[in-house]
């Protein structure tokens, strides 16, 4: 149940960020698991550029992974403007 809620929350955040980034310039990301051909590329670019989501390591974003409660709290805090 928690996994489903986390997945829906992440999908909502990515969708919201994607809506803002329509027509955004392509960004060079350091992540090896996020390519321009992926449907979520623009949303990941926007989230990374604005420091909302920084990836799971220097080289991976893990778009298919699950989020921990701590990651969700951090994400919501960053979205609220707390840095």
N, C-alpha and C. Protein backbone atom coordinates (compact mmCIF):
# COMPACT_ATOMS: atom_id res chain seq x y z
N UNK A 1 0.82 -1.19 0.00
CA UNK A 1 0.00 0.00 0.00
C UNK A 1 0.87 1.26 0.00
N UNK A 2 1.88 1.29 0.88
CA UNK A 2 2.77 2.45 0.96
C UNK A 2 3.53 2.63 -0.35
N UNK A 3 3.94 1.52 -0.94
CA UNK A 3 4.67 1.58 -2.20
C UNK A 3 3.80 2.21 -3.29
N UNK A 4 2.52 1.86 -3.31
CA UNK A 4 1.60 2.42 -4.31
C UNK A 4 1.40 3.92 -4.08
N UNK A 5 1.25 4.32 -2.82
CA UNK A 5 1.08 5.73 -2.50
C UNK A 5 2.32 6.52 -2.90
N UNK A 6 3.50 5.97 -2.61
CA UNK A 6 4.74 6.66 -2.98
C UNK A 6 4.86 6.79 -4.49
N UNK A 7 4.49 5.74 -5.21
CA UNK A 7 4.56 5.79 -6.66
C UNK A 7 3.61 6.84 -7.22
N UNK A 8 2.41 6.92 -6.66
CA UNK A 8 1.45 7.93 -7.11
C UNK A 8 1.92 9.33 -6.78
N UNK A 9 2.52 9.51 -5.61
CA UNK A 9 3.05 10.82 -5.23
C UNK A 9 4.16 11.24 -6.18
N UNK A 10 5.08 10.34 -6.47
CA UNK A 10 6.18 10.65 -7.38
C UNK A 10 5.65 10.98 -8.77
N UNK A 11 4.67 10.21 -9.24
CA UNK A 11 4.08 10.47 -10.55
C UNK A 11 3.42 11.85 -10.58
N UNK A 12 2.75 12.22 -9.50
CA UNK A 12 2.10 13.54 -9.43
C UNK A 12 3.13 14.66 -9.46
N UNK A 13 4.23 14.49 -8.73
CA UNK A 13 5.29 15.51 -8.70
C UNK A 13 5.92 15.64 -10.08
N UNK A 14 6.24 14.53 -10.70
CA UNK A 14 6.86 14.57 -12.02
C UNK A 14 5.91 15.20 -13.04
N UNK A 15 4.62 14.86 -12.95
CA UNK A 15 3.64 15.44 -13.87
C UNK A 15 3.53 16.95 -13.67
N UNK A 16 3.52 17.39 -12.41
CA UNK A 16 3.43 18.82 -12.12
C UNK A 16 4.65 19.55 -12.63
N UNK A 17 5.81 18.98 -12.43
CA UNK A 17 7.05 19.60 -12.91
C UNK A 17 7.08 19.60 -14.43
N UNK A 18 6.59 18.52 -15.05
CA UNK A 18 6.58 18.44 -16.51
C UNK A 18 5.66 19.49 -17.10
N UNK A 19 4.55 19.78 -16.45
CA UNK A 19 3.62 20.78 -16.95
C UNK A 19 4.26 22.16 -16.98
N UNK A 20 5.15 22.42 -16.05
CA UNK A 20 5.83 23.71 -15.99
C UNK A 20 6.94 23.80 -17.02
N UNK A 21 7.49 22.66 -17.42
CA UNK A 21 8.67 22.66 -18.27
C UNK A 21 8.38 22.49 -19.75
N UNK A 22 7.15 22.61 -20.16
CA UNK A 22 6.83 22.45 -21.58
C UNK A 22 7.65 23.45 -22.39
N UNK A 23 8.38 22.94 -23.35
CA UNK A 23 9.21 23.80 -24.18
C UNK A 23 10.55 24.16 -23.56
N UNK A 24 10.91 23.55 -22.47
CA UNK A 24 12.17 23.85 -21.80
C UNK A 24 13.34 23.35 -22.65
N UNK A 25 14.45 24.02 -22.52
CA UNK A 25 15.65 23.62 -23.25
C UNK A 25 16.19 22.30 -22.68
N UNK A 26 16.78 21.51 -23.56
CA UNK A 26 17.35 20.24 -23.13
C UNK A 26 18.58 20.48 -22.26
N UNK A 27 18.65 19.76 -21.17
CA UNK A 27 19.74 19.91 -20.22
C UNK A 27 20.61 18.67 -20.26
N UNK A 28 21.88 18.84 -20.08
CA UNK A 28 22.79 17.71 -19.97
C UNK A 28 22.77 17.24 -18.53
N UNK A 29 22.24 16.05 -18.32
CA UNK A 29 22.15 15.48 -16.98
C UNK A 29 23.33 14.55 -16.72
N UNK A 30 23.75 14.43 -15.47
CA UNK A 30 24.85 13.53 -15.14
C UNK A 30 24.39 12.08 -14.99
N UNK A 31 23.09 11.82 -15.13
CA UNK A 31 22.55 10.50 -14.86
C UNK A 31 22.62 9.59 -16.07
N UNK A 32 23.09 8.38 -15.86
CA UNK A 32 23.20 7.41 -16.95
C UNK A 32 21.88 6.69 -17.20
N UNK A 33 20.93 6.79 -16.27
CA UNK A 33 19.66 6.08 -16.41
C UNK A 33 18.50 6.98 -16.84
N UNK A 34 18.80 8.21 -17.25
CA UNK A 34 17.78 9.14 -17.76
C UNK A 34 18.28 9.70 -19.09
N UNK A 35 17.63 9.27 -20.18
CA UNK A 35 18.03 9.73 -21.51
C UNK A 35 16.93 10.61 -22.10
N UNK A 36 17.27 11.36 -23.12
CA UNK A 36 16.32 12.28 -23.76
C UNK A 36 15.12 11.56 -24.36
N UNK A 37 15.25 10.29 -24.65
CA UNK A 37 14.14 9.54 -25.24
C UNK A 37 13.08 9.13 -24.22
N UNK A 38 13.37 9.25 -22.95
CA UNK A 38 12.41 8.89 -21.89
C UNK A 38 11.35 9.96 -21.75
N UNK A 39 10.10 9.55 -21.47
CA UNK A 39 8.98 10.50 -21.37
C UNK A 39 9.16 11.47 -20.22
N UNK A 40 9.92 11.11 -19.21
CA UNK A 40 10.08 11.95 -18.02
C UNK A 40 11.34 12.82 -18.06
N UNK A 41 12.05 12.84 -19.18
CA UNK A 41 13.33 13.56 -19.26
C UNK A 41 13.20 15.03 -18.87
N UNK A 42 12.22 15.74 -19.44
CA UNK A 42 12.08 17.17 -19.15
C UNK A 42 11.76 17.42 -17.68
N UNK A 43 10.94 16.56 -17.08
CA UNK A 43 10.59 16.72 -15.66
C UNK A 43 11.82 16.49 -14.78
N UNK A 44 12.63 15.51 -15.13
CA UNK A 44 13.85 15.25 -14.35
C UNK A 44 14.81 16.43 -14.50
N UNK A 45 14.93 16.97 -15.70
CA UNK A 45 15.80 18.14 -15.92
C UNK A 45 15.37 19.30 -15.03
N UNK A 46 14.08 19.59 -15.02
CA UNK A 46 13.56 20.70 -14.21
C UNK A 46 13.79 20.46 -12.72
N UNK A 47 13.50 19.26 -12.27
CA UNK A 47 13.68 18.93 -10.85
C UNK A 47 15.15 19.01 -10.46
N UNK A 48 16.03 18.56 -11.34
CA UNK A 48 17.47 18.60 -11.05
C UNK A 48 18.00 20.03 -11.07
N UNK A 49 17.61 20.80 -12.09
CA UNK A 49 18.09 22.19 -12.20
C UNK A 49 17.66 23.05 -11.01
N UNK A 50 16.48 22.78 -10.47
CA UNK A 50 15.97 23.57 -9.35
C UNK A 50 16.29 22.98 -7.99
N UNK A 51 17.09 21.91 -7.96
CA UNK A 51 17.51 21.32 -6.70
C UNK A 51 16.41 20.60 -5.95
N UNK A 52 15.33 20.25 -6.64
CA UNK A 52 14.22 19.56 -5.98
C UNK A 52 14.54 18.08 -5.79
N UNK A 53 15.10 17.47 -6.82
CA UNK A 53 15.52 16.07 -6.75
C UNK A 53 16.93 16.01 -7.34
N UNK A 54 17.84 15.40 -6.60
CA UNK A 54 19.25 15.41 -6.99
C UNK A 54 19.77 14.05 -7.45
N UNK A 55 18.93 13.03 -7.43
CA UNK A 55 19.34 11.69 -7.83
C UNK A 55 19.73 10.85 -6.64
N UNK A 56 19.95 9.57 -6.91
CA UNK A 56 20.32 8.65 -5.84
C UNK A 56 21.83 8.54 -5.68
N UNK A 57 22.57 8.99 -6.68
CA UNK A 57 24.04 9.06 -6.62
C UNK A 57 24.47 10.10 -7.66
N UNK A 58 25.76 10.25 -7.83
CA UNK A 58 26.26 11.22 -8.81
C UNK A 58 25.91 10.83 -10.24
N UNK A 59 25.73 9.54 -10.50
CA UNK A 59 25.50 9.05 -11.86
C UNK A 59 24.12 8.44 -12.09
N UNK A 60 23.32 8.26 -11.03
CA UNK A 60 22.01 7.63 -11.20
C UNK A 60 20.90 8.46 -10.58
N UNK A 61 19.75 8.42 -11.24
CA UNK A 61 18.55 9.08 -10.75
C UNK A 61 17.56 8.04 -10.22
N UNK A 62 17.60 6.84 -10.76
CA UNK A 62 16.74 5.71 -10.37
C UNK A 62 15.26 6.04 -10.54
N UNK A 63 14.82 6.35 -11.78
CA UNK A 63 13.43 6.73 -12.01
C UNK A 63 12.42 5.63 -11.72
N UNK A 64 12.85 4.38 -11.70
CA UNK A 64 11.95 3.27 -11.43
C UNK A 64 12.05 2.77 -9.99
N UNK A 65 12.83 3.44 -9.19
CA UNK A 65 13.02 3.03 -7.80
C UNK A 65 11.87 3.49 -6.92
N UNK A 66 11.92 3.09 -5.68
CA UNK A 66 10.92 3.52 -4.71
C UNK A 66 11.54 4.59 -3.80
N UNK A 67 10.69 5.42 -3.25
CA UNK A 67 11.16 6.50 -2.38
C UNK A 67 10.95 6.11 -0.92
N UNK A 68 11.89 6.52 -0.09
CA UNK A 68 11.74 6.31 1.35
C UNK A 68 10.93 7.47 1.91
N UNK A 69 10.49 7.32 3.14
CA UNK A 69 9.77 8.42 3.80
C UNK A 69 10.65 9.66 3.91
N UNK A 70 11.92 9.44 4.20
CA UNK A 70 12.86 10.57 4.32
C UNK A 70 12.99 11.31 2.99
N UNK A 71 13.03 10.58 1.88
CA UNK A 71 13.12 11.21 0.57
C UNK A 71 11.85 12.02 0.27
N UNK A 72 10.70 11.49 0.65
CA UNK A 72 9.44 12.22 0.43
C UNK A 72 9.42 13.50 1.24
N UNK A 73 9.84 13.43 2.50
CA UNK A 73 9.87 14.62 3.35
C UNK A 73 10.82 15.65 2.76
N UNK A 74 11.98 15.21 2.30
CA UNK A 74 12.95 16.12 1.69
C UNK A 74 12.36 16.75 0.43
N UNK A 75 11.72 15.96 -0.41
CA UNK A 75 11.11 16.45 -1.64
C UNK A 75 10.05 17.49 -1.34
N UNK A 76 9.15 17.18 -0.41
CA UNK A 76 8.09 18.13 -0.07
C UNK A 76 8.66 19.41 0.54
N UNK A 77 9.70 19.28 1.33
CA UNK A 77 10.35 20.45 1.93
C UNK A 77 10.96 21.34 0.85
N UNK A 78 11.63 20.72 -0.12
CA UNK A 78 12.24 21.49 -1.20
C UNK A 78 11.18 22.16 -2.07
N UNK A 79 10.06 21.45 -2.30
CA UNK A 79 8.97 22.04 -3.08
C UNK A 79 8.36 23.24 -2.36
N UNK A 80 8.40 23.20 -1.03
CA UNK A 80 7.84 24.30 -0.24
C UNK A 80 8.81 25.47 -0.13
N UNK A 81 10.02 25.30 -0.67
CA UNK A 81 10.98 26.39 -0.68
C UNK A 81 12.02 26.34 0.41
N UNK A 82 12.00 25.31 1.24
CA UNK A 82 13.02 25.17 2.28
C UNK A 82 14.24 24.51 1.66
N UNK A 83 15.38 25.13 1.80
CA UNK A 83 16.61 24.55 1.20
C UNK A 83 17.60 24.26 2.27
